[in-house]
Amino acid sequence: ADADADADAAQALTHLQHLP
């Protein structure tokens, strides 16, 4: 559960980085 949440957060940060 914790690992899954961490992965989700990392993906969200990646998406934010893609934005200008």
Protein backbone atom coordinates (compact mmCIF):
# COMPACT_ATOMS: atom_id res chain seq x y z
CA ALA A 1 0.00 0.00 0.00
CA ASP A 2 2.74 2.44 0.99
CA ALA A 3 4.86 1.53 -2.01
CA ASP A 4 1.86 1.96 -4.32
CA ALA A 5 1.16 5.41 -2.89
CA ASP A 6 4.81 6.37 -3.33
CA ALA A 7 4.75 5.26 -6.96
CA ASP A 8 1.56 7.26 -7.55
CA ALA A 9 3.17 10.37 -6.06
CA ALA A 10 6.25 9.92 -8.25
CA GLN A 11 4.04 9.63 -11.33
CA ALA A 12 2.16 12.80 -10.34
CA LEU A 13 5.46 14.68 -9.99
CA THR A 14 6.52 13.44 -13.43
CA HIS A 15 3.26 14.73 -14.92
CA LEU A 16 3.82 18.10 -13.26
CA GLN A 17 7.34 18.24 -14.66
CA HIS A 18 5.90 17.69 -18.14
CA LEU A 19 3.81 20.84 -17.75
CA PRO A 20 5.43 24.17 -18.67
